[in-house]
Amino acid sequence: MPDVARFSRQLSFSFGDAPLWSAVELEGALTREAHRPVRLTLTENRSVLLSFRKRPSAIEVRLHRMFLHAPVKVVRAVAKGLRRTNRAADGEVRRFMNENLHRVRKVRKTLPRLETTGQAHNLREIYERLNRKFFGGRLRVPLTWGRGSGRARRGGLTFGSYDPVLGLIRVHPVLDRRDVPLYFIESVVYHEMLHHHMGGVPDRAGRTVYHSRAFREAEARYSGYRTALAWEKVNLPHLLRASAELDRARKAKASSSRN
């Protein structure tokens, strides 16, 4: 399994078991870097990892306990965000949160077997081409053909998904067909690569937003974006039928293996 070995080497935990800061030390560092008094509250909230509110006397900051393990550059980036008027997280902060979600959700960061070579399309080649064109070849995210459960999405299918805990992209196997154009699969893979690259940003209520305006603008930079949307609209009924057939075949195979 060469893909698994290669990506396993690329994945590393962002912090060990020992925290780099105490709560008092982290509050002091944020106060120094923000140039304003900071009142820090540490949380175990699994959905809102960072939020803040500016008060006349101090900035009230709520951070998940993961930030006790944040390196200095991330703490400085958090403080930089506190000095701004908007609540958008700095890219350095987003990357730290995304890379450490396995700590928030208390699950092991173990990759499944990666299958990138399909019968009609090669995900590895698609990923590497997009990585060079849009990310300067710097992105490091594993991807694989998924199982294909036919999960509904607004009356359609979830063609791709990004698992922030594993840092893994899955692509629905219904797209591994010769009648599915390359530009459509590229648009799906690029969409999920953007999720890995950009992460989420907190809105005014502190909720994490993944399809932000910046995300949509970046997504539209793919030249086949509108063509892919139009193709999906026309061909969705066909893909739904094909997905149902895949699902039936998968269940039949599982049933026969049990018997």
Protein backbone atom coordinates (compact mmCIF):
# COMPACT_ATOMS: atom_id res chain seq x y z
CA MET A 1 0.00 0.00 0.00
CA PRO A 2 2.41 2.75 -1.16
CA ASP A 3 -0.16 5.57 -0.81
CA VAL A 4 -0.81 4.73 2.84
CA ALA A 5 2.88 4.62 3.65
CA ARG A 6 3.60 7.92 1.94
CA PHE A 7 0.74 9.82 3.57
CA SER A 8 1.35 8.26 6.97
CA ARG A 9 4.78 9.87 6.90
CA GLN A 10 3.25 13.23 6.02
CA LEU A 11 0.75 13.18 8.89
CA SER A 12 2.04 14.17 12.30
CA PHE A 13 0.36 15.33 15.47
CA SER A 14 0.70 19.04 16.08
CA PHE A 15 1.39 18.62 19.79
CA GLY A 16 2.36 15.99 22.28
CA ASP A 17 0.76 15.19 25.59
CA ALA A 18 2.51 17.94 27.56
CA PRO A 19 0.97 21.43 27.10
CA LEU A 20 3.22 24.34 26.15
CA TRP A 21 1.27 26.83 28.27
CA SER A 22 -0.67 27.06 31.48
CA ALA A 23 -3.95 28.98 31.36
CA VAL A 24 -2.32 31.95 33.11
CA GLU A 25 0.68 31.92 30.76
CA LEU A 26 -1.52 31.75 27.67
CA GLU A 27 -3.70 34.62 28.90
CA GLY A 28 -0.56 36.67 29.57
CA ALA A 29 0.86 35.93 26.12
CA LEU A 30 -2.40 36.93 24.41
CA THR A 31 -2.53 40.15 26.46
CA ARG A 32 1.03 41.07 25.45
CA GLU A 33 0.51 40.27 21.78
CA ALA A 34 -2.92 41.91 21.51
CA HIS A 35 -1.78 45.04 23.40
CA ARG A 36 -5.02 44.93 25.36
CA PRO A 37 -6.15 43.09 28.50
CA VAL A 38 -7.46 39.61 27.70
CA ARG A 39 -9.71 37.50 29.91
CA LEU A 40 -9.31 33.90 28.83
CA THR A 41 -11.78 31.06 29.31
CA LEU A 42 -10.75 27.54 28.30
CA THR A 43 -13.51 25.24 27.07
CA GLU A 44 -14.18 21.68 25.94
CA ASN A 45 -16.65 22.90 23.29
CA ARG A 46 -16.35 20.62 20.27
CA SER A 47 -18.06 22.91 17.74
CA VAL A 48 -16.82 26.42 18.64
CA LEU A 49 -13.06 26.27 19.16
CA LEU A 50 -12.39 30.00 19.19
CA SER A 51 -14.60 33.00 19.86
CA PHE A 52 -14.15 36.42 21.42
CA ARG A 53 -16.05 39.52 22.43
CA LYS A 54 -14.60 42.98 22.93
CA ARG A 55 -15.59 44.67 26.16
CA PRO A 56 -14.53 48.15 27.36
CA SER A 57 -12.27 46.68 30.03
CA ALA A 58 -10.89 43.64 28.20
CA ILE A 59 -11.29 41.21 25.31
CA GLU A 60 -13.16 38.13 26.48
CA VAL A 61 -11.67 35.14 24.67
CA ARG A 62 -12.97 31.57 24.69
CA LEU A 63 -10.54 28.94 23.40
CA HIS A 64 -10.67 25.20 23.31
CA ARG A 65 -8.07 23.59 25.59
CA MET A 66 -6.17 22.47 22.48
CA PHE A 67 -4.67 25.98 22.41
CA LEU A 68 -2.62 25.15 25.52
CA HIS A 69 -0.53 23.14 23.03
CA ALA A 70 -0.34 25.90 20.40
CA PRO A 71 3.13 27.04 19.28
CA VAL A 72 4.07 30.70 19.68
CA LYS A 73 3.33 31.54 16.04
CA VAL A 74 -0.27 30.34 16.46
CA VAL A 75 -0.74 32.31 19.69
CA ARG A 76 0.54 35.42 17.91
CA ALA A 77 -1.87 34.77 15.06
CA VAL A 78 -4.77 34.48 17.55
CA ALA A 79 -3.76 37.81 19.11
CA LYS A 80 -3.54 39.39 15.66
CA GLY A 81 -7.14 38.32 15.07
CA LEU A 82 -8.18 39.90 18.36
CA ARG A 83 -6.83 43.25 17.20
CA ARG A 84 -8.97 43.17 14.06
CA THR A 85 -12.62 44.18 13.92
CA ASN A 86 -13.76 41.01 12.13
CA ARG A 87 -13.81 37.47 13.53
CA ALA A 88 -12.21 35.62 10.65
CA ALA A 89 -9.51 33.27 11.91
CA ASP A 90 -6.00 33.69 10.57
CA GLY A 91 -4.85 30.93 8.20
CA GLU A 92 -2.23 29.84 10.74
CA VAL A 93 -4.96 29.46 13.38
CA ARG A 94 -7.29 27.59 11.04
CA ARG A 95 -4.57 25.14 10.10
CA PHE A 96 -3.75 24.51 13.76
CA MET A 97 -7.41 23.83 14.61
CA ASN A 98 -7.96 21.58 11.59
CA GLU A 99 -4.78 19.59 12.21
CA ASN A 100 -5.75 18.96 15.83
CA LEU A 101 -9.43 18.09 15.54
CA HIS A 102 -8.51 14.50 16.35
CA ARG A 103 -7.69 15.77 19.85
CA VAL A 104 -11.05 17.57 20.15
CA ARG A 105 -13.04 14.50 19.12
CA LYS A 106 -10.81 12.06 21.02
CA VAL A 107 -10.39 9.63 18.15
CA ARG A 108 -7.32 7.96 16.72
CA LYS A 109 -5.91 9.54 13.61
CA THR A 110 -5.57 6.35 11.56
CA LEU A 111 -5.98 6.36 7.80
CA PRO A 112 -7.99 3.64 6.03
CA ARG A 113 -6.58 1.84 3.02
CA LEU A 114 -6.22 4.40 0.22
CA GLU A 115 -7.54 3.46 -3.22
CA THR A 116 -6.78 6.11 -5.84
CA THR A 117 -6.67 4.08 -9.07
CA GLY A 118 -10.13 3.59 -10.50
CA GLN A 119 -11.38 1.83 -13.60
CA ALA A 120 -11.91 5.10 -15.46
CA HIS A 121 -10.17 7.82 -13.44
CA ASN A 122 -7.02 8.13 -11.35
CA LEU A 123 -7.54 10.34 -8.30
CA ARG A 124 -3.81 10.61 -7.62
CA GLU A 125 -3.15 12.16 -11.05
CA ILE A 126 -6.10 14.54 -10.64
CA TYR A 127 -4.96 15.61 -7.17
CA GLU A 128 -1.35 16.21 -8.21
CA ARG A 129 -2.41 18.27 -11.23
CA LEU A 130 -4.71 20.47 -9.11
CA ASN A 131 -2.09 20.74 -6.37
CA ARG A 132 0.49 22.10 -8.80
CA LYS A 133 -1.92 24.52 -10.45
CA PHE A 134 -3.72 26.00 -7.44
CA PHE A 135 -1.51 25.30 -4.41
CA GLY A 136 2.01 25.38 -5.80
CA GLY A 137 2.36 21.65 -5.04
CA ARG A 138 2.45 22.40 -1.29
CA LEU A 139 -0.79 20.74 -0.20
CA ARG A 140 -0.47 17.44 1.66
CA VAL A 141 -3.78 15.63 1.98
CA PRO A 142 -4.54 11.95 1.29
CA LEU A 143 -7.53 10.98 -0.83
CA THR A 144 -9.33 7.80 -1.80
CA TRP A 145 -12.36 6.44 -3.57
CA GLY A 146 -15.08 6.05 -0.94
CA ARG A 147 -17.48 3.17 -0.38
CA GLY A 148 -20.43 4.99 -1.90
CA SER A 149 -23.45 4.74 0.38
CA GLY A 150 -25.73 6.89 -1.77
CA ARG A 151 -26.14 9.48 1.01
CA ALA A 152 -28.56 12.22 -0.02
CA ARG A 153 -27.51 15.84 -0.28
CA ARG A 154 -30.30 18.27 -1.09
CA GLY A 155 -31.99 15.70 -3.26
CA GLY A 156 -28.69 14.63 -4.77
CA LEU A 157 -25.49 12.87 -3.80
CA THR A 158 -22.46 13.77 -1.73
CA PHE A 159 -19.88 13.40 -4.49
CA GLY A 160 -16.96 14.25 -2.23
CA SER A 161 -16.28 14.75 1.47
CA TYR A 162 -13.45 16.00 3.64
CA ASP A 163 -12.82 14.40 7.03
CA PRO A 164 -11.06 17.06 9.16
CA VAL A 165 -10.12 14.54 11.84
CA LEU A 166 -8.24 12.27 9.44
CA GLY A 167 -7.43 15.06 7.01
CA LEU A 168 -8.80 12.75 4.32
CA ILE A 169 -10.70 13.36 1.07
CA ARG A 170 -13.18 10.71 -0.08
CA VAL A 171 -14.71 10.71 -3.58
CA HIS A 172 -17.92 8.86 -4.38
CA PRO A 173 -17.17 5.81 -6.59
CA VAL A 174 -20.16 6.59 -8.81
CA LEU A 175 -17.88 9.17 -10.46
CA ASP A 176 -15.45 6.44 -11.57
CA ARG A 177 -17.23 6.11 -14.92
CA ARG A 178 -16.08 6.89 -18.43
CA ASP A 179 -19.20 8.98 -19.06
CA VAL A 180 -18.30 11.29 -16.17
CA PRO A 181 -16.12 14.09 -17.59
CA LEU A 182 -12.74 14.77 -16.05
CA TYR A 183 -13.61 18.40 -15.31
CA PHE A 184 -16.48 17.30 -13.07
CA ILE A 185 -14.29 15.03 -10.93
CA GLU A 186 -11.65 17.78 -10.81
CA SER A 187 -14.25 20.23 -9.50
CA VAL A 188 -15.20 17.78 -6.73
CA VAL A 189 -11.60 17.07 -5.70
CA TYR A 190 -10.68 20.79 -5.83
CA HIS A 191 -13.68 21.63 -3.62
CA GLU A 192 -12.49 19.17 -0.94
CA MET A 193 -8.87 20.31 -1.25
CA LEU A 194 -10.06 23.83 -0.49
CA HIS A 195 -11.76 22.54 2.67
CA HIS A 196 -8.41 21.14 3.83
CA HIS A 197 -6.55 24.30 2.86
CA MET A 198 -8.97 26.92 4.17
CA GLY A 199 -10.75 25.20 7.06
CA GLY A 200 -13.63 27.05 8.68
CA VAL A 201 -14.04 30.56 10.03
CA PRO A 202 -16.16 31.63 13.01
CA ASP A 203 -19.20 33.80 12.26
CA ARG A 204 -20.52 36.52 14.56
CA ALA A 205 -22.23 33.92 16.75
CA GLY A 206 -19.04 31.88 17.05
CA ARG A 207 -20.31 29.07 14.79
CA THR A 208 -17.86 27.63 12.28
CA VAL A 209 -18.65 28.42 8.63
CA TYR A 210 -16.98 26.32 5.95
CA HIS A 211 -18.55 27.67 2.75
CA SER A 212 -17.60 31.26 3.38
CA ARG A 213 -17.47 34.01 0.76
CA ALA A 214 -13.70 33.52 0.49
CA PHE A 215 -14.25 29.79 -0.05
CA ARG A 216 -16.79 30.39 -2.83
CA GLU A 217 -14.49 32.87 -4.54
CA ALA A 218 -11.62 30.38 -4.42
CA GLU A 219 -13.86 27.59 -5.71
CA ALA A 220 -14.89 29.70 -8.71
CA ARG A 221 -11.22 30.03 -9.76
CA TYR A 222 -11.43 26.54 -11.20
CA SER A 223 -12.09 27.16 -14.90
CA GLY A 224 -14.58 24.29 -15.21
CA TYR A 225 -16.62 25.34 -12.16
CA ARG A 226 -19.77 26.58 -13.95
CA THR A 227 -19.56 23.86 -16.59
CA ALA A 228 -19.41 21.25 -13.82
CA LEU A 229 -22.50 22.72 -12.11
CA ALA A 230 -24.41 22.62 -15.38
CA TRP A 231 -23.32 19.04 -16.10
CA GLU A 232 -24.42 17.90 -12.63
CA LYS A 233 -27.85 19.44 -13.08
CA VAL A 234 -28.44 17.53 -16.32
CA ASN A 235 -26.89 14.21 -15.27
CA LEU A 236 -27.91 13.94 -11.62
CA PRO A 237 -30.84 11.52 -12.26
CA HIS A 238 -28.45 9.18 -14.10
CA LEU A 239 -25.89 9.35 -11.26
CA LEU A 240 -28.57 8.69 -8.65
CA ARG A 241 -29.59 5.50 -10.45
CA ALA A 242 -25.97 4.44 -10.86
CA SER A 243 -25.32 5.10 -7.16
CA ALA A 244 -28.32 2.99 -6.15
CA GLU A 245 -26.98 0.13 -8.29
CA LEU A 246 -23.56 0.42 -6.61
CA ASP A 247 -25.21 0.40 -3.20
CA ARG A 248 -27.22 -2.73 -4.00
CA ALA A 249 -24.12 -4.49 -5.34
CA ARG A 250 -22.12 -3.56 -2.22
CA LYS A 251 -24.84 -4.86 0.12
CA ALA A 252 -25.22 -8.07 -1.89
CA LYS A 253 -21.47 -8.68 -1.72
CA ALA A 254 -21.44 -8.05 2.04
CA SER A 255 -24.39 -10.40 2.51
CA SER A 256 -22.77 -13.20 0.49
CA SER A 257 -19.49 -12.86 2.40
CA ARG A 258 -21.36 -13.34 5.69
CA ASN A 259 -23.05 -16.47 4.34
